[in-house]
Protein backbone atom coordinates (compact mmCIF):
# COMPACT_ATOMS: atom_id res chain seq x y z
CA UNK A 1 137.96 88.11 21.72
CA UNK A 2 141.07 88.34 19.30
CA UNK A 3 140.88 90.79 15.88
CA UNK A 4 143.89 90.81 14.04
CA UNK A 5 143.87 93.80 11.00
CA UNK A 6 146.42 94.20 8.55
CA UNK A 7 146.74 97.29 6.85
CA UNK A 8 149.29 98.28 3.71
CA UNK A 9 149.41 102.02 3.66
CA UNK A 10 151.40 102.22 0.98
CA UNK A 11 151.46 99.62 -2.65
CA UNK A 12 153.54 100.00 -5.65
CA UNK A 13 152.37 100.60 -9.00
CA UNK A 14 155.40 98.70 -11.55
CA UNK A 15 154.01 99.89 -14.89
CA UNK A 16 153.65 103.44 -13.87
CA UNK A 17 156.81 103.07 -11.96
CA UNK A 18 154.96 104.95 -8.99
CA UNK A 19 154.35 104.32 -5.39
CA UNK A 20 150.68 105.47 -3.61
CA UNK A 21 150.87 105.95 0.16
CA UNK A 22 148.42 107.18 2.16
CA UNK A 23 149.11 109.67 5.71
CA UNK A 24 146.66 108.37 8.06
CA UNK A 25 143.76 105.93 8.44
CA UNK A 26 140.62 105.71 10.72
CA UNK A 27 139.61 102.23 11.38
CA UNK A 28 136.00 101.35 12.74
CA UNK A 29 135.35 98.24 14.39
CA UNK A 30 131.46 97.07 15.27
CA UNK A 31 131.27 94.20 17.40
CA UNK A 32 127.68 92.11 17.84
CA UNK A 33 128.46 89.84 20.67
CA UNK A 34 127.16 86.09 19.62
CA UNK A 35 123.37 84.98 20.90
CA UNK A 36 125.44 82.83 23.78
CA UNK A 37 129.10 82.60 24.38
CA UNK A 38 131.40 80.41 22.59
CA UNK A 39 132.46 79.04 26.22
CA UNK A 40 129.88 77.70 28.60
CA UNK A 41 131.86 76.68 31.16
CA UNK A 42 135.09 76.75 32.75
CA UNK A 43 135.16 72.68 33.94
CA UNK A 44 138.72 72.11 32.55
CA UNK A 45 142.20 73.41 31.58
CA UNK A 46 144.29 70.73 30.01
CA UNK A 47 143.24 68.14 28.05
CA UNK A 48 145.05 65.24 27.91
CA UNK A 49 144.52 62.49 25.00
CA UNK A 50 146.11 59.29 24.46
CA UNK A 51 145.96 55.78 23.99
CA UNK A 52 144.25 53.81 26.56
CA UNK A 53 147.25 51.57 27.04
CA UNK A 54 148.95 55.19 28.86
CA UNK A 55 145.68 55.89 31.12
CA UNK A 56 147.30 54.29 34.35
CA UNK A 57 150.96 55.69 33.45
CA UNK A 58 149.20 59.29 33.35
CA UNK A 59 147.20 59.27 36.73
CA UNK A 60 149.99 60.33 38.61
CA UNK A 61 150.12 63.53 35.94
CA UNK A 62 146.48 64.07 36.39
CA UNK A 63 146.14 63.84 39.84
CA UNK A 64 149.44 66.64 40.34
CA UNK A 65 148.26 69.18 37.81
CA UNK A 66 144.62 69.16 39.76
CA UNK A 67 146.83 69.44 43.00
CA UNK A 68 148.02 72.73 41.49
CA UNK A 69 144.97 73.74 40.08
CA UNK A 70 145.39 72.93 36.57
CA UNK A 71 141.76 71.29 36.18
CA UNK A 72 142.43 67.95 33.90
CA UNK A 73 140.73 65.81 31.88
CA UNK A 74 142.36 62.80 30.50
CA UNK A 75 140.17 61.60 27.33
CA UNK A 76 141.47 58.19 25.27
CA UNK A 77 141.66 58.12 21.52
CA UNK A 78 138.77 55.99 21.39
CA UNK A 79 136.53 58.73 23.45
CA UNK A 80 138.07 61.23 20.52
CA UNK A 81 136.95 59.18 17.55
CA UNK A 82 133.67 59.06 18.78
CA UNK A 83 133.52 63.21 17.34
CA UNK A 84 132.29 63.83 13.61
CA UNK A 85 135.78 63.76 10.89
CA UNK A 86 136.17 62.09 7.68
CA UNK A 87 139.46 60.64 9.69
CA UNK A 88 141.05 59.92 12.87
CA UNK A 89 143.17 63.35 12.58
CA UNK A 90 140.21 65.39 11.59
CA UNK A 91 138.10 63.34 14.81
CA UNK A 92 140.36 64.31 17.27
CA UNK A 93 140.75 67.62 16.34
CA UNK A 94 136.98 68.31 16.38
CA UNK A 95 136.82 66.79 19.82
CA UNK A 96 139.45 69.02 20.88
CA UNK A 97 136.93 71.96 19.61
CA UNK A 98 134.13 70.62 21.93
CA UNK A 99 136.81 70.34 24.77
CA UNK A 100 136.73 74.37 24.06
CA UNK A 101 133.55 75.04 24.15
CA UNK A 102 131.88 73.14 26.33
CA UNK A 103 134.48 72.86 28.90
CA UNK A 104 136.95 75.64 28.37
CA UNK A 105 139.83 73.87 27.79
CA UNK A 106 142.98 76.24 27.23
CA UNK A 107 145.75 73.67 26.94
CA UNK A 108 145.31 70.39 25.36
CA UNK A 109 148.45 67.58 25.73
CA UNK A 110 148.84 64.82 23.03
CA UNK A 111 150.38 61.85 24.53
CA UNK A 112 152.11 59.25 21.71
CA UNK A 113 154.73 58.95 19.28
CA UNK A 114 153.70 58.66 15.44
CA UNK A 115 152.87 55.10 15.50
CA UNK A 116 150.57 55.62 18.86
CA UNK A 117 148.88 59.10 18.05
CA UNK A 118 147.56 60.00 14.75
CA UNK A 119 150.02 62.70 13.26
CA UNK A 120 148.62 65.70 10.41
CA UNK A 121 150.91 66.02 7.33
CA UNK A 122 151.07 69.86 6.26
CA UNK A 123 151.81 70.13 2.53
CA UNK A 124 153.58 73.39 2.42
CA UNK A 125 155.76 72.98 0.00
CA UNK A 126 159.09 74.94 0.26
CA UNK A 127 160.44 73.47 -3.06
CA UNK A 128 162.50 70.54 -0.87
CA UNK A 129 160.22 68.58 0.69
CA UNK A 130 156.78 67.95 0.08
CA UNK A 131 155.08 67.57 3.80
CA UNK A 132 156.05 67.62 7.28
CA UNK A 133 154.42 66.72 10.63
CA UNK A 134 152.11 70.04 11.79
CA UNK A 135 151.05 69.87 15.48
CA UNK A 136 149.38 72.86 15.07
CA UNK A 137 146.82 71.52 12.85
CA UNK A 138 145.86 70.38 15.89
CA UNK A 139 145.99 73.75 17.79
CA UNK A 140 144.68 75.82 15.18
CA UNK A 141 141.12 75.01 15.53
CA UNK A 142 139.20 78.28 14.34
CA UNK A 143 139.64 80.45 11.17
CA UNK A 144 139.58 83.93 10.91
CA UNK A 145 135.63 84.11 10.72
CA UNK A 146 135.55 81.89 13.90
CA UNK A 147 134.55 78.89 11.92
CA UNK A 148 136.32 75.20 12.17
CA UNK A 149 139.37 75.44 10.44
CA UNK A 150 140.04 72.05 8.26
CA UNK A 151 143.03 73.20 6.68
CA UNK A 152 142.13 71.64 3.42
CA UNK A 153 139.44 74.52 1.97
CA UNK A 154 140.24 72.83 -1.06
CA UNK A 155 138.59 69.13 0.04
CA UNK A 156 141.27 67.79 -1.42
CA UNK A 157 142.03 65.63 1.29
CA UNK A 158 145.90 67.62 1.22
CA UNK A 159 146.16 69.59 4.53
CA UNK A 160 148.06 73.02 4.87
CA UNK A 161 148.68 73.59 1.30
CA UNK A 162 150.99 76.24 -0.15
CA UNK A 163 152.21 76.13 -3.54
CA UNK A 164 151.42 72.53 -3.29
CA UNK A 165 150.65 71.27 -6.75
CA UNK A 166 149.36 74.93 -7.49
CA UNK A 167 146.82 74.72 -4.50
CA UNK A 168 146.96 76.81 -1.38
CA UNK A 169 144.52 76.40 1.67
CA UNK A 170 142.88 79.13 3.52
CA UNK A 171 144.61 79.07 7.20
CA UNK A 172 145.07 81.36 9.79
CA UNK A 173 147.92 79.86 11.83
CA UNK A 174 146.82 81.24 14.89
CA UNK A 175 146.98 78.82 17.79
CA UNK A 176 143.75 78.41 19.68
CA UNK A 177 144.94 76.35 22.48
CA UNK A 178 148.27 75.54 23.99
CA UNK A 179 148.97 72.38 22.46
CA UNK A 180 152.23 70.12 23.65
CA UNK A 181 153.23 66.54 22.46
CA UNK A 182 154.77 63.41 24.74
CA UNK A 183 156.04 61.50 21.66
CA UNK A 184 156.16 58.29 23.51
CA UNK A 185 156.03 54.71 22.70
CA UNK A 186 155.37 52.75 25.48
CA UNK A 187 154.41 53.30 29.32
CA UNK A 188 157.56 53.07 30.36
CA UNK A 189 158.51 56.42 28.32
CA UNK A 190 155.27 57.91 29.74
CA UNK A 191 156.33 57.42 33.20
CA UNK A 192 159.53 58.28 33.22
CA UNK A 193 158.41 61.46 31.41
CA UNK A 194 155.35 62.39 34.01
CA UNK A 195 158.08 61.88 36.91
CA UNK A 196 160.21 64.43 35.53
CA UNK A 197 157.52 66.54 35.14
CA UNK A 198 156.30 66.59 38.73
CA UNK A 199 159.97 66.58 40.23
CA UNK A 200 160.64 69.51 38.25
CA UNK A 201 157.36 71.41 38.98
CA UNK A 202 158.07 70.32 42.74
CA UNK A 203 161.37 71.52 42.76
CA UNK A 204 162.84 73.56 40.36
CA UNK A 205 161.61 77.05 42.00
CA UNK A 206 164.47 78.93 43.34
CA UNK A 207 167.37 76.30 42.27
CA UNK A 208 170.70 77.72 41.50
CA UNK A 209 171.44 75.39 38.48
CA UNK A 210 168.06 76.98 37.10
CA UNK A 211 169.36 80.10 36.92
CA UNK A 212 171.68 79.49 34.09
CA UNK A 213 171.85 79.55 30.29
CA UNK A 214 173.74 77.56 27.89
CA UNK A 215 173.88 79.08 24.26
CA UNK A 216 175.55 77.57 21.40
CA UNK A 217 176.08 78.27 18.25
CA UNK A 218 178.64 78.41 15.46
CA UNK A 219 178.96 79.68 11.75
CA UNK A 220 176.00 78.52 9.94
CA UNK A 221 176.14 79.45 6.37
CA UNK A 222 178.80 79.76 3.77
CA UNK A 223 178.42 83.56 2.82
CA UNK A 224 180.61 86.62 3.10
CA UNK A 225 181.64 85.57 6.46
CA UNK A 226 181.14 88.82 8.23
CA UNK A 227 178.64 87.16 10.93
CA UNK A 228 178.65 83.86 12.23
CA UNK A 229 174.64 83.92 12.41
CA UNK A 230 174.44 81.08 15.38
CA UNK A 231 176.66 83.47 17.63
CA UNK A 232 174.76 86.26 16.33
CA UNK A 233 171.50 85.06 16.97
CA UNK A 234 172.96 83.69 20.54
CA UNK A 235 174.01 87.18 21.23
CA UNK A 236 170.65 88.53 20.53
CA UNK A 237 169.13 85.89 22.44
CA UNK A 238 171.31 86.88 25.54
CA UNK A 239 169.42 90.65 25.82
CA UNK A 240 166.37 88.62 27.30
CA UNK A 241 168.38 86.20 29.93
CA UNK A 242 169.91 88.71 31.83
CA UNK A 243 168.45 86.96 34.84
CA UNK A 244 170.88 84.19 33.81
CA UNK A 245 173.90 83.28 34.58
CA UNK A 246 175.04 82.67 31.06
CA UNK A 247 177.78 80.26 29.20
CA UNK A 248 178.64 80.83 25.83
CA UNK A 249 179.69 77.82 23.91
CA UNK A 250 180.87 79.34 20.51
CA UNK A 251 182.59 77.94 17.83
CA UNK A 252 184.58 81.16 17.16
CA UNK A 253 185.77 80.90 20.80
CA UNK A 254 187.34 77.72 20.38
CA UNK A 255 184.97 76.27 23.24
CA UNK A 256 182.62 74.45 21.64
CA UNK A 257 182.25 70.80 21.03
CA UNK A 258 180.54 67.36 22.44
CA UNK A 259 182.45 67.39 25.54
CA UNK A 260 181.82 71.09 26.75
CA UNK A 261 178.24 71.09 25.65
CA UNK A 262 177.61 68.13 27.88
CA UNK A 263 179.57 69.53 30.75
CA UNK A 264 177.92 72.88 30.42
CA UNK A 265 174.41 70.63 31.15
CA UNK A 266 175.70 68.71 33.49
CA UNK A 267 176.61 71.40 35.63
CA UNK A 268 173.02 72.55 35.89
CA UNK A 269 171.51 74.92 33.37
CA UNK A 270 167.59 75.86 32.85
CA UNK A 271 167.75 76.75 29.72
CA UNK A 272 170.04 75.32 26.75
CA UNK A 273 169.71 77.16 23.21
CA UNK A 274 171.24 75.74 20.02
CA UNK A 275 171.50 77.35 16.45
CA UNK A 276 172.84 75.75 13.42
CA UNK A 277 172.48 72.81 11.34
CA UNK A 278 170.19 69.20 12.44
CA UNK A 279 168.51 65.82 11.04
CA UNK A 280 166.68 64.02 12.91
CA UNK A 281 169.70 62.44 15.53
CA UNK A 282 172.26 65.45 16.03
CA UNK A 283 172.69 69.08 15.86
CA UNK A 284 176.35 70.80 14.41
CA UNK A 285 177.82 74.20 13.35
CA UNK A 286 181.30 75.26 11.74
CA UNK A 287 184.00 76.74 13.12
CA UNK A 288 184.27 80.48 10.75
CA UNK A 289 184.84 79.78 7.63
CA UNK A 290 185.26 75.80 7.93
CA UNK A 291 182.51 74.39 6.49
CA UNK A 292 183.99 71.00 5.90
CA UNK A 293 184.34 70.83 9.88
CA UNK A 294 181.31 69.87 11.58
CA UNK A 295 181.35 70.28 15.89
CA UNK A 296 178.09 69.19 17.81
CA UNK A 297 176.04 66.06 19.48
CA UNK A 298 174.05 63.27 18.73
CA UNK A 299 171.57 61.33 20.96
CA UNK A 300 174.47 59.15 22.13
CA UNK A 301 175.28 62.46 24.03
CA UNK A 302 171.87 62.85 26.02
CA UNK A 303 172.54 58.98 26.83
CA UNK A 304 175.80 60.14 28.30
CA UNK A 305 174.27 63.23 30.49
CA UNK A 306 173.86 62.99 34.09
CA UNK A 307 171.93 66.05 34.77
CA UNK A 308 169.73 64.38 37.23
CA UNK A 309 166.68 66.46 38.76
CA UNK A 310 168.49 69.58 36.73
CA UNK A 311 166.40 69.40 33.69
CA UNK A 312 166.65 72.56 31.27
CA UNK A 313 164.41 73.64 28.61
CA UNK A 314 165.99 73.38 25.28
CA UNK A 315 165.52 75.58 21.84
CA UNK A 316 166.97 73.28 18.75
CA UNK A 317 166.94 76.38 16.19
CA UNK A 318 168.38 73.54 13.33
CA UNK A 319 166.80 71.44 10.42
CA UNK A 320 164.42 68.44 11.48
CA UNK A 321 165.65 67.61 15.30
CA UNK A 322 161.93 67.28 16.07
CA UNK A 323 161.63 65.24 13.08
CA UNK A 324 159.23 62.05 14.98
CA UNK A 325 157.39 60.48 11.82
CA UNK A 326 159.74 57.65 11.69
CA UNK A 327 160.59 57.49 15.30
CA UNK A 328 162.64 58.81 17.58
CA UNK A 329 164.63 62.18 16.99
CA UNK A 330 167.41 64.41 19.04
CA UNK A 331 164.22 66.71 20.48
CA UNK A 332 162.22 63.93 21.50
CA UNK A 333 165.81 62.01 22.98
CA UNK A 334 166.01 65.08 25.21
CA UNK A 335 162.69 64.48 26.98
CA UNK A 336 162.22 60.83 27.37
CA UNK A 337 165.76 59.94 28.63
CA UNK A 338 164.88 58.74 32.27
CA UNK A 339 166.32 61.02 35.02
CA UNK A 340 168.12 63.01 32.59
CA UNK A 341 168.05 65.36 29.62
CA UNK A 342 165.55 67.68 29.32
CA UNK A 343 162.51 68.88 30.54
CA UNK A 344 160.82 69.93 27.49
CA UNK A 345 162.11 71.16 24.04
CA UNK A 346 161.05 73.28 21.05
CA UNK A 347 162.27 71.84 17.60
CA UNK A 348 161.67 71.69 14.11
CA UNK A 349 160.09 68.45 12.60
CA UNK A 350 161.59 69.06 9.01
CA UNK A 351 164.10 71.30 7.02
CA UNK A 352 164.00 74.83 8.61
CA UNK A 353 165.10 78.15 6.72
CA UNK A 354 167.03 80.64 7.86
CA UNK A 355 168.49 84.22 6.39
CA UNK A 356 172.46 85.17 5.76
CA UNK A 357 174.33 87.59 7.56
CA UNK A 358 172.54 89.85 10.01
CA UNK A 359 169.34 89.52 8.48
CA UNK A 360 169.34 85.75 10.53
CA UNK A 361 166.91 87.43 13.20
CA UNK A 362 164.52 89.13 10.69
CA UNK A 363 162.41 86.44 10.05
CA UNK A 364 162.67 82.27 9.55
CA UNK A 365 164.10 80.49 12.32
CA UNK A 366 166.36 82.67 13.54
CA UNK A 367 163.63 84.62 14.46
CA UNK A 368 161.24 82.33 16.04
CA UNK A 369 164.46 81.60 18.37
CA UNK A 370 164.35 84.76 19.27
CA UNK A 371 161.17 85.06 20.50
CA UNK A 372 161.36 81.46 22.05
CA UNK A 373 164.15 82.71 24.38
CA UNK A 374 162.08 85.82 25.31
CA UNK A 375 158.87 84.09 25.92
CA UNK A 376 160.67 81.58 28.25
CA UNK A 377 162.64 84.54 30.25
CA UNK A 378 159.00 85.38 31.01
CA UNK A 379 158.27 82.32 33.03
CA UNK A 380 155.31 81.37 30.96
CA UNK A 381 153.79 77.74 30.71
CA UNK A 382 155.75 75.90 27.97
CA UNK A 383 152.86 75.83 25.66
CA UNK A 384 152.33 79.43 26.01
CA UNK A 385 155.91 80.04 24.88
CA UNK A 386 155.42 78.71 21.47
CA UNK A 387 152.17 80.16 21.01
CA UNK A 388 153.07 83.43 21.74
CA UNK A 389 156.16 83.19 19.59
CA UNK A 390 153.88 81.90 16.64
CA UNK A 391 151.82 85.04 16.96
CA UNK A 392 154.63 87.02 17.28
CA UNK A 393 155.62 85.80 14.10
CA UNK A 394 152.20 86.06 11.98
CA UNK A 395 151.67 89.81 13.68
CA UNK A 396 155.37 91.04 12.54
CA UNK A 397 155.38 89.29 9.11
CA UNK A 398 152.15 90.78 7.40
CA UNK A 399 153.32 89.24 3.77
CA UNK A 400 154.27 85.49 4.32
CA UNK A 401 155.93 83.34 1.33
CA UNK A 402 156.11 79.58 1.62
CA UNK A 403 159.30 79.77 3.84
CA UNK A 404 156.97 81.92 6.60
CA UNK A 405 154.24 79.51 6.13
CA UNK A 406 156.58 76.50 7.21
CA UNK A 407 158.53 78.34 9.64
CA UNK A 408 155.29 78.62 11.91
CA UNK A 409 154.13 75.02 11.27
CA UNK A 410 157.24 73.05 11.98
CA UNK A 411 157.78 74.34 15.40
CA UNK A 412 156.91 71.66 17.87
CA UNK A 413 157.03 71.87 21.56
CA UNK A 414 157.73 68.24 22.94
CA UNK A 415 156.63 68.66 26.57
CA UNK A 416 153.59 69.41 28.82
CA UNK A 417 152.07 72.46 27.62
CA UNK A 418 150.99 73.43 31.40
CA UNK A 419 154.53 73.08 32.68
CA UNK A 420 155.70 75.79 34.98
CA UNK A 421 158.71 77.11 33.70
CA UNK A 422 161.03 77.37 36.49
CA UNK A 423 158.40 74.97 38.85
CA UNK A 424 155.75 76.24 41.38
CA UNK A 425 156.71 78.46 44.23
CA UNK A 426 154.97 77.85 47.48
CA UNK A 427 151.60 75.30 48.33
CA UNK A 428 148.57 75.24 46.56
CA UNK A 429 145.48 74.08 48.24
CA UNK A 430 145.02 70.90 46.06
CA UNK A 431 141.40 69.31 48.24
CA UNK A 432 138.91 70.09 47.94
CA UNK A 433 138.98 71.90 44.49
CA UNK A 434 137.24 74.70 43.13
CA UNK A 435 134.08 73.97 41.38
CA UNK A 436 133.74 70.82 42.70
CA UNK A 437 130.91 68.48 44.88
CA UNK A 438 132.51 66.13 47.54
CA UNK A 439 130.17 63.71 49.55
CA UNK A 440 132.14 61.96 52.68
CA UNK A 441 135.38 63.07 51.36
CA UNK A 442 135.22 61.86 47.92
CA UNK A 443 135.25 64.22 44.91
CA UNK A 444 131.51 63.57 42.74
CA UNK A 445 131.22 66.00 40.09
CA UNK A 446 131.58 69.12 38.52
CA UNK A 447 129.26 72.23 40.37
CA UNK A 448 127.50 74.96 38.05
CA UNK A 449 128.91 77.96 38.71
CA UNK A 450 132.32 77.02 39.95
CA UNK A 451 131.29 76.81 43.65
CA UNK A 452 132.45 74.25 45.82
CA UNK A 453 130.13 71.96 48.04
CA UNK A 454 130.81 69.26 50.78
CA UNK A 455 128.81 66.88 52.45
CA UNK A 456 130.10 65.29 55.41
CA UNK A 457 134.06 65.50 56.57
CA UNK A 458 137.02 65.95 54.14
CA UNK A 459 140.66 65.81 54.17
CA UNK A 460 142.22 69.25 53.01
CA UNK A 461 145.24 68.60 51.43
CA UNK A 462 148.04 70.98 50.66
CA UNK A 463 150.30 70.39 47.25
CA UNK A 464 153.79 71.96 48.18
CA UNK A 465 157.23 72.35 46.80
CA UNK A 466 160.02 71.24 47.89
CA UNK A 467 161.31 74.04 50.28
CA UNK A 468 158.13 73.88 52.51
CA UNK A 469 158.76 72.74 55.96
CA UNK A 470 155.14 72.88 57.72
CA UNK A 471 151.70 74.11 56.60
CA UNK A 472 148.79 75.71 58.98
CA UNK A 473 145.46 75.11 57.96
CA UNK A 474 142.64 77.49 59.14
CA UNK A 475 138.75 77.82 59.21
CA UNK A 476 137.44 81.14 58.80
CA UNK A 477 141.12 82.29 59.82
CA UNK A 478 141.00 80.46 63.14
CA UNK A 479 144.49 77.86 62.60
CA UNK A 480 142.97 74.01 63.69
CA UNK A 481 145.83 72.26 62.46
CA UNK A 482 149.99 72.00 61.83
CA UNK A 483 151.23 69.44 59.58
CA UNK A 484 155.16 69.26 59.80
CA UNK A 485 155.71 66.25 57.58
CA UNK A 486 154.48 65.65 53.78
CA UNK A 487 151.99 64.96 53.03
CA UNK A 488 150.12 67.93 54.48
CA UNK A 489 146.88 67.11 55.23
CA UNK A 490 144.28 67.58 58.08
CA UNK A 491 140.63 66.04 57.94
CA UNK A 492 137.89 68.61 58.98
CA UNK A 493 135.40 66.97 60.81
CA UNK A 494 133.27 69.00 63.01
CA UNK A 495 129.93 70.37 62.59
CA UNK A 496 129.72 73.01 60.09
CA UNK A 497 126.94 74.52 58.17
CA UNK A 498 127.07 77.27 55.39
CA UNK A 499 129.41 79.12 54.10
CA UNK A 500 133.26 79.19 55.46
CA UNK A 501 136.76 79.47 54.61
CA UNK A 502 139.43 77.29 53.75
CA UNK A 503 143.42 78.23 54.27
CA UNK A 504 146.37 77.14 54.32
CA UNK A 505 149.63 78.55 54.99
CA UNK A 506 152.98 76.98 54.07
CA UNK A 507 156.26 78.01 55.64
CA UNK A 508 159.51 77.67 53.21
CA UNK A 509 162.82 76.24 53.99
CA UNK A 510 164.12 80.15 53.23
CA UNK A 511 162.21 81.97 55.07
CA UNK A 512 158.75 83.70 54.10
CA UNK A 513 155.17 82.01 54.01
CA UNK A 514 152.98 81.56 50.91
CA UNK A 515 149.15 81.40 51.52
CA UNK A 516 145.98 79.76 49.60
CA UNK A 517 142.62 79.62 50.24
CA UNK A 518 138.91 78.68 48.91
CA UNK A 519 135.49 79.48 49.93
CA UNK A 520 133.32 76.71 50.33
CA UNK A 521 129.69 75.59 51.46
CA UNK A 522 129.36 72.73 53.94
CA UNK A 523 126.88 70.38 55.95
CA UNK A 524 128.44 68.08 58.03
CA UNK A 525 127.09 66.92 61.51
């Protein structure tokens, strides 16, 4: 249950030049539970929707997610199109709604570029651009009353309107699922990104390189010159990175250029944050007061990187670096780069706005930059980083105008919404999975009430991070097998009836152990 209350204890009356205010408020909340729960089951955590041509390339990711306890369902676009809706995008949104209510889905991954997967254009008019891509449309499933949010409350087929030809749609903008997109054009790109995700989640934990952060900024705006907005934003972002070794590349320090940025990433970094200006293909900023001088990087610099297996999360606080409407963009180029680049990026799909001077972090893109950094530092999953940052924005900014609406709508996660920031530690019992029925070692179907049933023998499998040296397998606290080489498996094939406990214990190369267990009901003669 989520309830948002906005109270305004004061108001100004211009005609009388008076301010009215209250000293205290009393709010009473009455809640009547629904006749039946909204979520009828918790079969799946992650829903992946993709063109059928990508299914084979995505299968290793499905298996990897399942092995780490992220129960995953892969749906084709054709399956999603079976839902009701006025067009393909709305059908997909209704499909996501059904997945939330029937399966308990919490994360949604959209796979495909604008040419491969339908996009929804938002018509939040900022005075410069009439429309832009917003995948928040696919995440904001319900309105403030719990009903389906069409983003077109006036039914004129223009979605997400704010001051568009005098029209404004009613939207609460709060994400109801954690969402991300892999903007792939072909199966080769899918395979490359899937490979990076799997390797990152299995190897990043404890890596020395992950504990490094790179902050890049300069003098963003030609104002009074006393505050260099990009650097000012990075200084405040750094307050959330106390556990990281920080490299600051600032235009005012004279150490910011394309070579220094590439070198810092190649040296290894878990987090890279840019604040400045951008377009589809590049990011840049200015030295203090030199607003005809540009310093930055573009897609060619990503191609020149050599940070194999050390992939940072990247924030691009700049205009349009995530605009994939017409094809490739800098944010996606970071992620799709094979064996280099980033593991995920947060970027805007259109022109973004920022305040001048020290107000640059009070709202708009500067505020989002700070919140993304904060939630990243808390090692949340990537989709949660974006959604929680949006929630923060909406909760903090009670009175929003067109620039606020656009800011919230245009930020995009290019990456896996279930990506475990910093990777997984230890090992996970990947087979059998909680809540499934197995018949002679084959996974047949989900069970009712989340119980695990097994008939016949079962091969027990452990998913492990790269620092595991061996795995012990226990049945009812009795050691039955030790596997010293990957893949770490053991076949349980003995007479067994009723309830038993399966436990695995993984031994880390650095010392220490990690345990994982599961209660099962088994019948094997």
